């Protein structure tokens, strides 16, 4: 079992401060960040294996890379709603939000509840987490029924007027991923995009146009036929 100090030393040994400027250009928060790439962090997480207590310690450091590893190594079986709330309110960068949703939050049944809870919150990355979870579940949960995603379309409709960049992009990601699951959901997502397009909002119009462009593309059509 690796100690917190040992893991932090390994992360710091991979630090690339020269990468921070580029990360900032992509909208990542670079305060308390070392410049380590996600593939490198995945390699470290693979070496560490599941470790709930270490994940909690890593998260508390506030270092972006430590938090990314925390999401990768935490045990979904030990994840509580209280921890989800604590972690999501501490997120300050879109990439940490998306990676934690993808590597941890989406793996528990509570994810469906938190989508609804967080979609109504005002904090930017809490709200983004709601739609990132929809996108992740639409991508990875092969067993979920179409109805579960259709029930989330009104949530996406309500979120489409949020003009904040990191929220509107997540709303768009969620709707596009629903529409790429199968032909039935493709039609439902395009129909919802059409409704969103009627909203008097720049964010809504952008979300609708980008969604329709991808979901009606030849590449998506071909994949759905297969």
C-alpha atoms as a PDB file:
ATOM      1  CA  UNK A   1       0.000   0.000   0.000  1.00  0.00           C
ATOM      2  CA  UNK A   2       1.557   3.282  -1.103  1.00  0.00           C
ATOM      3  CA  UNK A   3       1.546   6.243   1.264  1.00  0.00           C
ATOM      4  CA  UNK A   4       0.283   9.702   0.371  1.00  0.00           C
ATOM      5  CA  UNK A   5       3.833  11.056   0.437  1.00  0.00           C
ATOM      6  CA  UNK A   6       5.073   8.346  -1.921  1.00  0.00           C
ATOM      7  CA  UNK A   7       2.300   9.000  -4.424  1.00  0.00           C
ATOM      8  CA  UNK A   8       2.801  12.753  -4.319  1.00  0.00           C
ATOM      9  CA  UNK A   9       6.517  12.252  -4.883  1.00  0.00           C
ATOM     10  CA  UNK A  10       5.752  10.156  -7.980  1.00  0.00           C
ATOM     11  CA  UNK A  11       3.339  12.769  -9.309  1.00  0.00           C
ATOM     12  CA  UNK A  12       5.857  15.561  -8.702  1.00  0.00           C
ATOM     13  CA  UNK A  13       8.567  13.566 -10.477  1.00  0.00           C
ATOM     14  CA  UNK A  14       6.403  13.682 -13.624  1.00  0.00           C
ATOM     15  CA  UNK A  15       5.685  17.416 -13.334  1.00  0.00           C
ATOM     16  CA  UNK A  16       5.941  19.437 -16.547  1.00  0.00           C
ATOM     17  CA  UNK A  17       5.495  23.115 -15.646  1.00  0.00           C
ATOM     18  CA  UNK A  18       6.084  23.971 -19.313  1.00  0.00           C
ATOM     19  CA  UNK A  19       2.733  22.323 -20.100  1.00  0.00           C
ATOM     20  CA  UNK A  20       0.711  24.620 -17.857  1.00  0.00           C
ATOM     21  CA  UNK A  21       0.437  27.440 -20.378  1.00  0.00           C
ATOM     22  CA  UNK A  22      -1.069  25.103 -22.947  1.00  0.00           C
ATOM     23  CA  UNK A  23      -3.447  23.622 -20.371  1.00  0.00           C
ATOM     24  CA  UNK A  24      -4.608  27.111 -19.473  1.00  0.00           C
ATOM     25  CA  UNK A  25      -5.380  27.786 -23.141  1.00  0.00           C
ATOM     26  CA  UNK A  26      -7.722  24.797 -23.046  1.00  0.00           C
ATOM     27  CA  UNK A  27      -9.552  26.316 -20.107  1.00  0.00           C
ATOM     28  CA  UNK A  28      -8.040  24.158 -17.374  1.00  0.00           C
ATOM     29  CA  UNK A  29      -7.424  25.784 -14.024  1.00  0.00           C
ATOM     30  CA  UNK A  30      -3.641  25.732 -13.529  1.00  0.00           C
ATOM     31  CA  UNK A  31      -3.419  26.912  -9.949  1.00  0.00           C
ATOM     32  CA  UNK A  32      -2.310  23.927  -7.865  1.00  0.00           C
ATOM     33  CA  UNK A  33      -1.496  21.945 -11.009  1.00  0.00           C
ATOM     34  CA  UNK A  34       1.833  20.360 -11.939  1.00  0.00           C
ATOM     35  CA  UNK A  35       1.410  19.738 -15.653  1.00  0.00           C
ATOM     36  CA  UNK A  36       1.178  15.926 -15.705  1.00  0.00           C
ATOM     37  CA  UNK A  37      -0.772  14.309 -18.548  1.00  0.00           C
ATOM     38  CA  UNK A  38      -3.784  12.059 -17.988  1.00  0.00           C
ATOM     39  CA  UNK A  39      -2.133   9.001 -19.633  1.00  0.00           C
ATOM     40  CA  UNK A  40       0.765   9.288 -17.184  1.00  0.00           C
ATOM     41  CA  UNK A  41      -1.663   9.546 -14.282  1.00  0.00           C
ATOM     42  CA  UNK A  42      -3.557   6.506 -15.547  1.00  0.00           C
ATOM     43  CA  UNK A  43      -0.322   4.536 -15.501  1.00  0.00           C
ATOM     44  CA  UNK A  44       0.263   5.575 -11.898  1.00  0.00           C
ATOM     45  CA  UNK A  45      -3.318   4.694 -10.943  1.00  0.00           C
ATOM     46  CA  UNK A  46      -2.923   1.252 -12.533  1.00  0.00           C
ATOM     47  CA  UNK A  47       0.142   0.643 -10.385  1.00  0.00           C
ATOM     48  CA  UNK A  48      -1.676   1.743  -7.239  1.00  0.00           C
ATOM     49  CA  UNK A  49      -4.922  -0.199  -7.718  1.00  0.00           C
ATOM     50  CA  UNK A  50      -8.114   0.523  -5.792  1.00  0.00           C
ATOM     51  CA  UNK A  51      -7.491   2.344  -2.522  1.00  0.00           C
ATOM     52  CA  UNK A  52     -10.358   4.286  -0.959  1.00  0.00           C
ATOM     53  CA  UNK A  53      -8.421   5.768   1.958  1.00  0.00           C
ATOM     54  CA  UNK A  54      -5.572   6.923  -0.259  1.00  0.00           C
ATOM     55  CA  UNK A  55      -8.090   8.451  -2.670  1.00  0.00           C
ATOM     56  CA  UNK A  56      -9.582  10.513   0.148  1.00  0.00           C
ATOM     57  CA  UNK A  57      -6.126  11.723   1.172  1.00  0.00           C
ATOM     58  CA  UNK A  58      -5.159  12.608  -2.384  1.00  0.00           C
ATOM     59  CA  UNK A  59      -8.340  14.597  -2.885  1.00  0.00           C
ATOM     60  CA  UNK A  60      -7.693  16.674   0.221  1.00  0.00           C
ATOM     61  CA  UNK A  61      -4.366  17.925  -1.168  1.00  0.00           C
ATOM     62  CA  UNK A  62      -6.214  20.105  -3.675  1.00  0.00           C
ATOM     63  CA  UNK A  63      -3.570  19.343  -6.324  1.00  0.00           C
ATOM     64  CA  UNK A  64      -5.307  18.771  -9.677  1.00  0.00           C
ATOM     65  CA  UNK A  65      -3.266  15.703 -10.615  1.00  0.00           C
ATOM     66  CA  UNK A  66      -3.712  14.179  -7.155  1.00  0.00           C
ATOM     67  CA  UNK A  67      -7.466  14.638  -7.509  1.00  0.00           C
ATOM     68  CA  UNK A  68      -7.445  13.023 -10.935  1.00  0.00           C
ATOM     69  CA  UNK A  69      -5.646   9.984  -9.520  1.00  0.00           C
ATOM     70  CA  UNK A  70      -8.064   9.945  -6.564  1.00  0.00           C
ATOM     71  CA  UNK A  71     -10.988   9.513  -8.954  1.00  0.00           C
ATOM     72  CA  UNK A  72      -9.154   6.743 -10.777  1.00  0.00           C
ATOM     73  CA  UNK A  73      -8.263   4.648  -7.714  1.00  0.00           C
ATOM     74  CA  UNK A  74     -11.255   5.163  -5.430  1.00  0.00           C
ATOM     75  CA  UNK A  75     -13.505   2.192  -4.766  1.00  0.00           C
ATOM     76  CA  UNK A  76     -17.024   2.816  -6.129  1.00  0.00           C
ATOM     77  CA  UNK A  77     -18.345   0.328  -3.567  1.00  0.00           C
ATOM     78  CA  UNK A  78     -17.287   2.697  -0.791  1.00  0.00           C
ATOM     79  CA  UNK A  79     -18.469   5.903  -2.427  1.00  0.00           C
ATOM     80  CA  UNK A  80     -21.189   7.665  -0.426  1.00  0.00           C
ATOM     81  CA  UNK A  81     -23.533  10.478  -1.327  1.00  0.00           C
ATOM     82  CA  UNK A  82     -21.793  12.674   1.251  1.00  0.00           C
ATOM     83  CA  UNK A  83     -18.443  12.097  -0.448  1.00  0.00           C
ATOM     84  CA  UNK A  84     -19.919  12.853  -3.856  1.00  0.00           C
ATOM     85  CA  UNK A  85     -21.242  16.139  -2.514  1.00  0.00           C
ATOM     86  CA  UNK A  86     -17.943  17.022  -0.846  1.00  0.00           C
ATOM     87  CA  UNK A  87     -15.911  16.277  -3.933  1.00  0.00           C
ATOM     88  CA  UNK A  88     -18.182  17.936  -6.486  1.00  0.00           C
ATOM     89  CA  UNK A  89     -18.300  21.198  -4.557  1.00  0.00           C
ATOM     90  CA  UNK A  90     -14.496  21.278  -4.472  1.00  0.00           C
ATOM     91  CA  UNK A  91     -14.019  20.934  -8.229  1.00  0.00           C
ATOM     92  CA  UNK A  92     -12.588  24.013  -9.926  1.00  0.00           C
ATOM     93  CA  UNK A  93     -11.632  22.774 -13.411  1.00  0.00           C
ATOM     94  CA  UNK A  94     -13.615  21.137 -16.204  1.00  0.00           C
ATOM     95  CA  UNK A  95     -11.146  18.311 -16.759  1.00  0.00           C
ATOM     96  CA  UNK A  96     -11.203  17.241 -13.103  1.00  0.00           C
ATOM     97  CA  UNK A  97     -15.006  17.362 -13.256  1.00  0.00           C
ATOM     98  CA  UNK A  98     -15.206  15.160 -16.334  1.00  0.00           C
ATOM     99  CA  UNK A  99     -12.562  12.669 -15.245  1.00  0.00           C
ATOM    100  CA  UNK A 100     -14.086  12.162 -11.791  1.00  0.00           C
ATOM    101  CA  UNK A 101     -17.512  11.661 -13.360  1.00  0.00           C
ATOM    102  CA  UNK A 102     -16.078   9.195 -15.880  1.00  0.00           C
ATOM    103  CA  UNK A 103     -13.794   7.246 -13.576  1.00  0.00           C
ATOM    104  CA  UNK A 104     -15.859   7.158 -10.398  1.00  0.00           C
ATOM    105  CA  UNK A 105     -19.248   8.865 -10.130  1.00  0.00           C
ATOM    106  CA  UNK A 106     -20.815   7.122 -13.139  1.00  0.00           C
ATOM    107  CA  UNK A 107     -20.067   3.726 -11.589  1.00  0.00           C
ATOM    108  CA  UNK A 108     -22.610   4.003  -8.767  1.00  0.00           C
ATOM    109  CA  UNK A 109     -26.440   3.922  -8.910  1.00  0.00           C
ATOM    110  CA  UNK A 110     -26.453   7.271  -7.082  1.00  0.00           C
ATOM    111  CA  UNK A 111     -25.264   8.883 -10.312  1.00  0.00           C
ATOM    112  CA  UNK A 112     -28.822   9.018 -11.679  1.00  0.00           C
ATOM    113  CA  UNK A 113     -30.029  10.833  -8.557  1.00  0.00           C
ATOM    114  CA  UNK A 114     -27.132  13.292  -8.580  1.00  0.00           C
ATOM    115  CA  UNK A 115     -27.874  14.213 -12.187  1.00  0.00           C
ATOM    116  CA  UNK A 116     -31.219  15.602 -11.060  1.00  0.00           C
ATOM    117  CA  UNK A 117     -29.862  17.136  -7.857  1.00  0.00           C
ATOM    118  CA  UNK A 118     -26.926  18.887  -9.486  1.00  0.00           C
ATOM    119  CA  UNK A 119     -28.767  20.072 -12.590  1.00  0.00           C
ATOM    120  CA  UNK A 120     -30.609  22.600 -10.440  1.00  0.00           C
ATOM    121  CA  UNK A 121     -27.532  23.905  -8.646  1.00  0.00           C
ATOM    122  CA  UNK A 122     -25.900  27.228  -9.523  1.00  0.00           C
ATOM    123  CA  UNK A 123     -22.228  26.353  -8.944  1.00  0.00           C
ATOM    124  CA  UNK A 124     -20.642  26.094 -12.385  1.00  0.00           C
ATOM    125  CA  UNK A 125     -18.809  22.798 -11.985  1.00  0.00           C
ATOM    126  CA  UNK A 126     -21.545  21.189  -9.904  1.00  0.00           C
ATOM    127  CA  UNK A 127     -23.955  21.907 -12.720  1.00  0.00           C
ATOM    128  CA  UNK A 128     -21.442  20.738 -15.310  1.00  0.00           C
ATOM    129  CA  UNK A 129     -21.086  17.473 -13.379  1.00  0.00           C
ATOM    130  CA  UNK A 130     -24.794  16.796 -13.855  1.00  0.00           C
ATOM    131  CA  UNK A 131     -24.523  16.921 -17.631  1.00  0.00           C
ATOM    132  CA  UNK A 132     -21.103  15.260 -17.725  1.00  0.00           C
ATOM    133  CA  UNK A 133     -22.682  12.332 -15.899  1.00  0.00           C
ATOM    134  CA  UNK A 134     -25.442  12.114 -18.494  1.00  0.00           C
ATOM    135  CA  UNK A 135     -22.810  12.081 -21.234  1.00  0.00           C
ATOM    136  CA  UNK A 136     -20.729   9.441 -19.467  1.00  0.00           C
ATOM    137  CA  UNK A 137     -23.678   7.160 -18.746  1.00  0.00           C
ATOM    138  CA  UNK A 138     -24.950   7.494 -22.316  1.00  0.00           C
ATOM    139  CA  UNK A 139     -21.492   6.485 -23.493  1.00  0.00           C
ATOM    140  CA  UNK A 140     -20.669   3.682 -21.067  1.00  0.00           C
ATOM    141  CA  UNK A 141     -23.834   2.217 -19.517  1.00  0.00           C
ATOM    142  CA  UNK A 142     -24.791  -0.258 -22.238  1.00  0.00           C
ATOM    143  CA  UNK A 143     -27.551  -1.827 -20.131  1.00  0.00           C
ATOM    144  CA  UNK A 144     -29.518   1.345 -19.354  1.00  0.00           C
ATOM    145  CA  UNK A 145     -32.943   1.466 -21.006  1.00  0.00           C
ATOM    146  CA  UNK A 146     -33.747   4.173 -23.543  1.00  0.00           C
ATOM    147  CA  UNK A 147     -36.463   5.456 -21.236  1.00  0.00           C
ATOM    148  CA  UNK A 148     -33.918   6.473 -18.617  1.00  0.00           C
ATOM    149  CA  UNK A 149     -32.302   8.852 -21.089  1.00  0.00           C
ATOM    150  CA  UNK A 150     -35.597  10.085 -22.511  1.00  0.00           C
ATOM    151  CA  UNK A 151     -36.574  11.057 -18.972  1.00  0.00           C
ATOM    152  CA  UNK A 152     -33.454  13.225 -18.803  1.00  0.00           C
ATOM    153  CA  UNK A 153     -34.251  15.237 -21.948  1.00  0.00           C
ATOM    154  CA  UNK A 154     -36.299  17.819 -19.984  1.00  0.00           C
ATOM    155  CA  UNK A 155     -33.276  18.260 -17.687  1.00  0.00           C
ATOM    156  CA  UNK A 156     -31.173  19.018 -20.746  1.00  0.00           C
ATOM    157  CA  UNK A 157     -33.840  21.422 -22.035  1.00  0.00           C
ATOM    158  CA  UNK A 158     -33.757  23.353 -18.748  1.00  0.00           C
ATOM    159  CA  UNK A 159     -29.966  23.481 -18.761  1.00  0.00           C
ATOM    160  CA  UNK A 160     -29.687  24.756 -22.315  1.00  0.00           C
ATOM    161  CA  UNK A 161     -30.059  28.429 -21.409  1.00  0.00           C
ATOM    162  CA  UNK A 162     -27.007  28.526 -19.141  1.00  0.00           C
ATOM    163  CA  UNK A 163     -24.602  30.810 -21.002  1.00  0.00           C
ATOM    164  CA  UNK A 164     -21.507  29.736 -19.058  1.00  0.00           C
ATOM    165  CA  UNK A 165     -19.072  28.026 -21.393  1.00  0.00           C
ATOM    166  CA  UNK A 166     -18.318  24.989 -19.237  1.00  0.00           C
ATOM    167  CA  UNK A 167     -22.006  24.338 -18.597  1.00  0.00           C
ATOM    168  CA  UNK A 168     -23.310  24.792 -22.132  1.00  0.00           C
ATOM    169  CA  UNK A 169     -20.583  22.544 -23.530  1.00  0.00           C
ATOM    170  CA  UNK A 170     -21.543  19.812 -21.070  1.00  0.00           C
ATOM    171  CA  UNK A 171     -25.240  20.174 -21.950  1.00  0.00           C
ATOM    172  CA  UNK A 172     -24.290  19.798 -25.606  1.00  0.00           C
ATOM    173  CA  UNK A 173     -22.076  16.782 -24.834  1.00  0.00           C
ATOM    174  CA  UNK A 174     -24.912  15.119 -22.923  1.00  0.00           C
ATOM    175  CA  UNK A 175     -27.471  15.572 -25.705  1.00  0.00           C
ATOM    176  CA  UNK A 176     -25.058  14.432 -28.422  1.00  0.00           C
ATOM    177  CA  UNK A 177     -24.079  11.292 -26.516  1.00  0.00           C
ATOM    178  CA  UNK A 178     -27.705  10.353 -25.933  1.00  0.00           C
ATOM    179  CA  UNK A 179     -28.322  10.746 -29.646  1.00  0.00           C
ATOM    180  CA  UNK A 180     -25.422   8.471 -30.537  1.00  0.00           C
ATOM    181  CA  UNK A 181     -26.630   5.468 -28.500  1.00  0.00           C
ATOM    182  CA  UNK A 182     -29.123   4.126 -31.037  1.00  0.00           C
ATOM    183  CA  UNK A 183     -31.603   5.175 -33.724  1.00  0.00           C
ATOM    184  CA  UNK A 184     -34.480   5.640 -31.288  1.00  0.00           C
ATOM    185  CA  UNK A 185     -32.519   7.984 -29.046  1.00  0.00           C
ATOM    186  CA  UNK A 186     -31.026   9.700 -32.086  1.00  0.00           C
ATOM    187  CA  UNK A 187     -34.514  10.743 -33.168  1.00  0.00           C
ATOM    188  CA  UNK A 188     -35.448  11.814 -29.633  1.00  0.00           C
ATOM    189  CA  UNK A 189     -32.273  13.889 -29.222  1.00  0.00           C
ATOM    190  CA  UNK A 190     -32.709  15.604 -32.587  1.00  0.00           C
ATOM    191  CA  UNK A 191     -36.313  16.403 -31.702  1.00  0.00           C
ATOM    192  CA  UNK A 192     -35.191  17.886 -28.380  1.00  0.00           C
ATOM    193  CA  UNK A 193     -32.506  19.906 -30.158  1.00  0.00           C
ATOM    194  CA  UNK A 194     -35.236  21.306 -32.362  1.00  0.00           C
ATOM    195  CA  UNK A 195     -37.173  22.423 -29.280  1.00  0.00           C
ATOM    196  CA  UNK A 196     -34.045  23.924 -27.740  1.00  0.00           C
ATOM    197  CA  UNK A 197     -33.390  25.857 -30.970  1.00  0.00           C
ATOM    198  CA  UNK A 198     -36.643  27.779 -30.409  1.00  0.00           C
ATOM    199  CA  UNK A 199     -35.421  29.196 -27.076  1.00  0.00           C
ATOM    200  CA  UNK A 200     -34.334  32.845 -27.158  1.00  0.00           C
ATOM    201  CA  UNK A 201     -30.820  32.143 -25.912  1.00  0.00           C
ATOM    202  CA  UNK A 202     -27.418  32.190 -27.604  1.00  0.00           C
ATOM    203  CA  UNK A 203     -26.337  29.134 -25.626  1.00  0.00           C
ATOM    204  CA  UNK A 204     -29.468  27.225 -26.589  1.00  0.00           C
ATOM    205  CA  UNK A 205     -29.095  28.046 -30.275  1.00  0.00           C
ATOM    206  CA  UNK A 206     -25.442  26.935 -30.238  1.00  0.00           C
ATOM    207  CA  UNK A 207     -26.269  23.691 -28.404  1.00  0.00           C
ATOM    208  CA  UNK A 208     -29.074  22.903 -30.842  1.00  0.00           C
ATOM    209  CA  UNK A 209     -27.089  23.670 -33.983  1.00  0.00           C
ATOM    210  CA  UNK A 210     -24.027  21.689 -32.893  1.00  0.00           C
ATOM    211  CA  UNK A 211     -26.133  18.727 -31.776  1.00  0.00           C
ATOM    212  CA  UNK A 212     -28.173  18.558 -34.976  1.00  0.00           C
ATOM    213  CA  UNK A 213     -25.051  18.911 -37.123  1.00  0.00           C
ATOM    214  CA  UNK A 214     -23.419  15.888 -35.501  1.00  0.00           C
ATOM    215  CA  UNK A 215     -26.462  13.674 -35.009  1.00  0.00           C
ATOM    216  CA  UNK A 216     -27.606  14.135 -38.613  1.00  0.00           C
ATOM    217  CA  UNK A 217     -24.107  13.594 -39.984  1.00  0.00           C
ATOM    218  CA  UNK A 218     -23.368  10.725 -42.332  1.00  0.00           C
ATOM    219  CA  UNK A 219     -20.786   9.314 -39.916  1.00  0.00           C
ATOM    220  CA  UNK A 220     -23.315   8.972 -37.090  1.00  0.00           C
ATOM    221  CA  UNK A 221     -25.980   7.618 -39.431  1.00  0.00           C
ATOM    222  CA  UNK A 222     -23.647   4.900 -40.661  1.00  0.00           C
ATOM    223  CA  UNK A 223     -22.620   3.889 -37.154  1.00  0.00           C
ATOM    224  CA  UNK A 224     -26.214   3.649 -35.978  1.00  0.00           C
ATOM    225  CA  UNK A 225     -27.155   1.438 -38.933  1.00  0.00           C
ATOM    226  CA  UNK A 226     -24.517  -1.055 -37.853  1.00  0.00           C
END
